[in-house]
């Protein structure tokens, strides 16, 4: 069972994680929308590019702001696993985007509705993984440093409760 302090810390991380997701998703969806609407790339490849663009700020903001990590990044312990989770989300979202694109083409949707349908498929796929990824980041990837917390941070949390 979690203590009040642990619960407050997890809630704060979840809120910050949500804010980071909003930033990286907005960036990714903007890139996806532009690439799909202009037909610069097929929907699947546009999704790959959009995911790659959103991954860097997502990793950095999650690492630094949500879980308070600083210093050198570990390729093996942090970057690799984060990229592996991102690749799993990319695979799922690319499948969803591909189906949405095929449906849009067979339905004869114009550019606007086609783009919205493809972006909705992307959001649905990533959204289905969002909470699971939070728990992996919180309990596995960034667990050691996240659970230590600074003395000042703990004192602040306890004064809030």
Foldseek 3Di string as FASTA:
>chain_A
DDDLLRVVLLVQLVVQLVVLCVVLLVQLLVQLLVCQLVVVDPNLVSNVVSLVVSLVSSLVSSQCPSQNHDDDDDCVQRVVVSVVVSVVLSVQLSVQLVVLLVVCVVVVPDSPVSSVSSSVSSCVSVVVCSVVVSCCVCCPRSPPSSVVDDPVSSVVSVVVD
